[in-house]
Amino acid sequence: MKHMEARQAVVTAVEYDREPSAAELDAIERELPLIAAEVELLDAQITVLDRVPSPLDERRIRRARRRMLAARRALTNQAATGAPVVA
């Protein structure tokens, strides 16, 4: 049996041992409304996994889906035009 071993002691440790850059933090902040809307939609969908959705549940899912789509549209339009997102 042949044993495999690394030729270099540390290959990618430096890449993952760093803090996010300012540009990465700005990107996360720009995407935060979309992330929050996706979490809200996921939460609404999870609540009805083990039961039949009531009309109130269906309305909650529809509203969450519309918020997520609106946030996605705003983020896409902002990226296309370079304008800041106004929520």
N, C-alpha and C. Protein backbone atom coordinates (compact mmCIF):
# COMPACT_ATOMS: atom_id res chain seq x y z
N MET A 1 0.83 -1.17 0.00
CA MET A 1 0.00 0.00 0.00
C MET A 1 0.89 1.24 0.00
N LYS A 2 0.58 2.17 -0.87
CA LYS A 2 1.34 3.41 -0.95
C LYS A 2 0.66 4.47 -0.08
N HIS A 3 1.44 5.18 0.66
CA HIS A 3 0.92 6.25 1.50
C HIS A 3 1.06 7.58 0.77
N MET A 4 0.00 8.38 0.88
CA MET A 4 0.03 9.71 0.27
C MET A 4 0.40 10.72 1.34
N GLU A 5 1.16 11.69 0.97
CA GLU A 5 1.53 12.73 1.92
C GLU A 5 1.62 14.06 1.18
N ALA A 6 1.41 15.12 1.93
CA ALA A 6 1.47 16.46 1.34
C ALA A 6 2.91 16.84 1.07
N ARG A 7 3.14 17.51 -0.04
CA ARG A 7 4.48 17.97 -0.36
C ARG A 7 4.76 19.31 0.30
N GLN A 8 3.70 20.02 0.63
CA GLN A 8 3.85 21.29 1.33
C GLN A 8 3.20 21.14 2.69
N ALA A 9 3.76 21.81 3.69
CA ALA A 9 3.22 21.69 5.04
C ALA A 9 1.83 22.31 5.13
N VAL A 10 1.66 23.53 4.66
CA VAL A 10 0.37 24.20 4.71
C VAL A 10 0.02 24.66 3.30
N VAL A 11 -1.08 24.17 2.79
CA VAL A 11 -1.44 24.49 1.42
C VAL A 11 -2.36 25.71 1.37
N THR A 12 -3.45 25.68 2.13
CA THR A 12 -4.42 26.77 2.05
C THR A 12 -4.81 27.35 3.41
N ALA A 13 -4.07 27.10 4.44
CA ALA A 13 -4.46 27.56 5.77
C ALA A 13 -4.51 29.09 5.85
N VAL A 14 -3.65 29.77 5.16
CA VAL A 14 -3.61 31.23 5.23
C VAL A 14 -4.89 31.83 4.65
N GLU A 15 -5.43 31.23 3.60
CA GLU A 15 -6.63 31.74 2.95
C GLU A 15 -7.83 31.71 3.89
N TYR A 16 -7.95 30.70 4.71
CA TYR A 16 -9.12 30.55 5.56
C TYR A 16 -8.93 31.12 6.95
N ASP A 17 -7.75 31.53 7.31
CA ASP A 17 -7.49 32.05 8.65
C ASP A 17 -7.53 33.57 8.69
N ARG A 18 -8.29 34.18 7.82
CA ARG A 18 -8.32 35.63 7.79
C ARG A 18 -9.74 36.14 8.03
N GLU A 19 -9.84 37.40 8.37
CA GLU A 19 -11.13 38.05 8.55
C GLU A 19 -11.67 38.48 7.19
N PRO A 20 -12.98 38.68 7.08
CA PRO A 20 -13.52 39.16 5.81
C PRO A 20 -13.02 40.57 5.50
N SER A 21 -12.80 40.83 4.24
CA SER A 21 -12.33 42.15 3.84
C SER A 21 -13.49 43.13 3.87
N ALA A 22 -13.18 44.40 3.73
CA ALA A 22 -14.21 45.44 3.70
C ALA A 22 -15.15 45.24 2.52
N ALA A 23 -14.60 44.82 1.39
CA ALA A 23 -15.44 44.59 0.20
C ALA A 23 -16.39 43.42 0.44
N GLU A 24 -15.92 42.37 1.08
CA GLU A 24 -16.78 41.23 1.38
C GLU A 24 -17.88 41.61 2.37
N LEU A 25 -17.54 42.40 3.37
CA LEU A 25 -18.55 42.87 4.33
C LEU A 25 -19.57 43.78 3.66
N ASP A 26 -19.14 44.62 2.73
CA ASP A 26 -20.06 45.47 1.98
C ASP A 26 -21.00 44.63 1.12
N ALA A 27 -20.48 43.58 0.51
CA ALA A 27 -21.32 42.70 -0.31
C ALA A 27 -22.37 42.00 0.54
N ILE A 28 -21.97 41.55 1.72
CA ILE A 28 -22.92 40.91 2.63
C ILE A 28 -23.99 41.91 3.05
N GLU A 29 -23.58 43.12 3.36
CA GLU A 29 -24.54 44.15 3.77
C GLU A 29 -25.52 44.48 2.64
N ARG A 30 -25.04 44.51 1.40
CA ARG A 30 -25.93 44.76 0.27
C ARG A 30 -26.93 43.63 0.09
N GLU A 31 -26.51 42.40 0.36
CA GLU A 31 -27.38 41.24 0.17
C GLU A 31 -28.23 40.93 1.39
N LEU A 32 -28.06 41.66 2.48
CA LEU A 32 -28.78 41.36 3.72
C LEU A 32 -30.30 41.39 3.58
N PRO A 33 -30.91 42.34 2.86
CA PRO A 33 -32.37 42.27 2.70
C PRO A 33 -32.84 40.99 2.00
N LEU A 34 -32.09 40.53 1.01
CA LEU A 34 -32.44 39.29 0.33
C LEU A 34 -32.26 38.10 1.27
N ILE A 35 -31.19 38.08 2.02
CA ILE A 35 -30.95 36.99 2.97
C ILE A 35 -32.07 36.93 3.99
N ALA A 36 -32.47 38.07 4.54
CA ALA A 36 -33.55 38.11 5.52
C ALA A 36 -34.87 37.64 4.92
N ALA A 37 -35.15 38.03 3.68
CA ALA A 37 -36.39 37.60 3.02
C ALA A 37 -36.37 36.10 2.75
N GLU A 38 -35.22 35.56 2.37
CA GLU A 38 -35.12 34.12 2.14
C GLU A 38 -35.30 33.34 3.44
N VAL A 39 -34.77 33.85 4.54
CA VAL A 39 -34.94 33.21 5.84
C VAL A 39 -36.41 33.24 6.25
N GLU A 40 -37.08 34.36 6.00
CA GLU A 40 -38.49 34.47 6.33
C GLU A 40 -39.32 33.46 5.53
N LEU A 41 -39.02 33.32 4.23
CA LEU A 41 -39.72 32.35 3.40
C LEU A 41 -39.45 30.93 3.88
N LEU A 42 -38.22 30.63 4.19
CA LEU A 42 -37.88 29.30 4.67
C LEU A 42 -38.59 29.00 5.98
N ASP A 43 -38.66 29.97 6.87
CA ASP A 43 -39.36 29.80 8.14
C ASP A 43 -40.84 29.51 7.91
N ALA A 44 -41.45 30.23 6.98
CA ALA A 44 -42.87 30.00 6.68
C ALA A 44 -43.08 28.61 6.09
N GLN A 45 -42.16 28.15 5.26
CA GLN A 45 -42.29 26.83 4.66
C GLN A 45 -42.05 25.73 5.69
N ILE A 46 -41.13 25.95 6.61
CA ILE A 46 -40.84 24.94 7.62
C ILE A 46 -42.03 24.74 8.55
N THR A 47 -42.75 25.81 8.85
CA THR A 47 -43.87 25.69 9.79
C THR A 47 -44.98 24.78 9.26
N VAL A 48 -45.08 24.61 7.96
CA VAL A 48 -46.16 23.78 7.41
C VAL A 48 -45.66 22.42 6.90
N LEU A 49 -44.46 22.03 7.26
CA LEU A 49 -43.95 20.75 6.79
C LEU A 49 -44.75 19.56 7.32
N ASP A 50 -45.18 19.62 8.55
CA ASP A 50 -45.82 18.47 9.17
C ASP A 50 -47.34 18.62 9.32
N ARG A 51 -47.92 19.58 8.63
CA ARG A 51 -49.37 19.75 8.71
C ARG A 51 -49.87 20.37 7.42
N VAL A 52 -51.16 20.34 7.25
CA VAL A 52 -51.78 20.95 6.09
C VAL A 52 -51.81 22.46 6.31
N PRO A 53 -51.33 23.24 5.34
CA PRO A 53 -51.31 24.70 5.54
C PRO A 53 -52.72 25.28 5.64
N SER A 54 -52.91 26.12 6.62
CA SER A 54 -54.18 26.83 6.76
C SER A 54 -54.17 28.02 5.79
N PRO A 55 -55.30 28.67 5.59
CA PRO A 55 -55.30 29.86 4.74
C PRO A 55 -54.33 30.94 5.24
N LEU A 56 -54.19 31.05 6.55
CA LEU A 56 -53.24 32.01 7.10
C LEU A 56 -51.80 31.62 6.76
N ASP A 57 -51.50 30.33 6.83
CA ASP A 57 -50.16 29.85 6.46
C ASP A 57 -49.88 30.12 4.99
N GLU A 58 -50.86 29.85 4.14
CA GLU A 58 -50.68 30.08 2.71
C GLU A 58 -50.43 31.57 2.42
N ARG A 59 -51.15 32.44 3.13
CA ARG A 59 -50.96 33.89 2.96
C ARG A 59 -49.56 34.29 3.42
N ARG A 60 -49.11 33.72 4.54
CA ARG A 60 -47.77 34.02 5.05
C ARG A 60 -46.69 33.60 4.06
N ILE A 61 -46.86 32.42 3.46
CA ILE A 61 -45.88 31.94 2.47
C ILE A 61 -45.90 32.83 1.23
N ARG A 62 -47.09 33.21 0.76
CA ARG A 62 -47.17 34.09 -0.41
C ARG A 62 -46.50 35.43 -0.15
N ARG A 63 -46.77 36.00 1.02
CA ARG A 63 -46.15 37.30 1.35
C ARG A 63 -44.64 37.18 1.45
N ALA A 64 -44.17 36.11 2.07
CA ALA A 64 -42.72 35.91 2.20
C ALA A 64 -42.08 35.71 0.83
N ARG A 65 -42.77 34.98 -0.05
CA ARG A 65 -42.23 34.76 -1.40
C ARG A 65 -42.18 36.08 -2.18
N ARG A 66 -43.22 36.91 -2.03
CA ARG A 66 -43.21 38.22 -2.71
C ARG A 66 -42.11 39.12 -2.18
N ARG A 67 -41.88 39.10 -0.86
CA ARG A 67 -40.79 39.91 -0.29
C ARG A 67 -39.44 39.44 -0.80
N MET A 68 -39.28 38.11 -0.89
CA MET A 68 -38.01 37.56 -1.38
C MET A 68 -37.79 37.94 -2.84
N LEU A 69 -38.84 37.84 -3.65
CA LEU A 69 -38.70 38.20 -5.06
C LEU A 69 -38.44 39.69 -5.23
N ALA A 70 -39.08 40.52 -4.42
CA ALA A 70 -38.85 41.97 -4.49
C ALA A 70 -37.42 42.30 -4.08
N ALA A 71 -36.91 41.64 -3.04
CA ALA A 71 -35.54 41.88 -2.61
C ALA A 71 -34.55 41.41 -3.67
N ARG A 72 -34.84 40.27 -4.29
CA ARG A 72 -33.97 39.77 -5.36
C ARG A 72 -33.97 40.71 -6.56
N ARG A 73 -35.16 41.23 -6.91
CA ARG A 73 -35.27 42.17 -8.03
C ARG A 73 -34.50 43.45 -7.72
N ALA A 74 -34.64 43.97 -6.49
CA ALA A 74 -33.93 45.20 -6.11
C ALA A 74 -32.43 45.00 -6.16
N LEU A 75 -31.96 43.85 -5.68
CA LEU A 75 -30.53 43.57 -5.70
C LEU A 75 -30.02 43.42 -7.14
N THR A 76 -30.79 42.77 -7.98
CA THR A 76 -30.39 42.61 -9.39
C THR A 76 -30.37 43.95 -10.10
N ASN A 77 -31.40 44.76 -9.88
CA ASN A 77 -31.44 46.08 -10.51
C ASN A 77 -30.30 46.97 -10.01
N GLN A 78 -29.99 46.87 -8.73
CA GLN A 78 -28.90 47.66 -8.17
C GLN A 78 -27.57 47.23 -8.77
N ALA A 79 -27.39 45.93 -8.96
CA ALA A 79 -26.15 45.45 -9.56
C ALA A 79 -26.04 45.87 -11.02
N ALA A 80 -27.18 45.91 -11.72
CA ALA A 80 -27.16 46.26 -13.13
C ALA A 80 -26.91 47.76 -13.35
N THR A 81 -27.43 48.59 -12.46
CA THR A 81 -27.30 50.03 -12.65
C THR A 81 -26.16 50.64 -11.84
N GLY A 82 -25.74 49.92 -10.80
CA GLY A 82 -24.69 50.45 -9.94
C GLY A 82 -25.20 51.44 -8.90
N ALA A 83 -26.51 51.57 -8.81
CA ALA A 83 -27.12 52.47 -7.83
C ALA A 83 -27.29 51.78 -6.50
N PRO A 84 -27.29 52.52 -5.40
CA PRO A 84 -27.49 51.88 -4.09
C PRO A 84 -28.93 51.39 -3.93
N VAL A 85 -29.10 50.32 -3.16
CA VAL A 85 -30.42 49.75 -2.91
C VAL A 85 -31.13 50.58 -1.87
N VAL A 86 -32.38 50.96 -2.16
CA VAL A 86 -33.20 51.67 -1.20
C VAL A 86 -34.31 50.73 -0.80
N ALA A 87 -34.31 50.33 0.47
CA ALA A 87 -35.30 49.34 0.94
C ALA A 87 -36.51 50.00 1.53
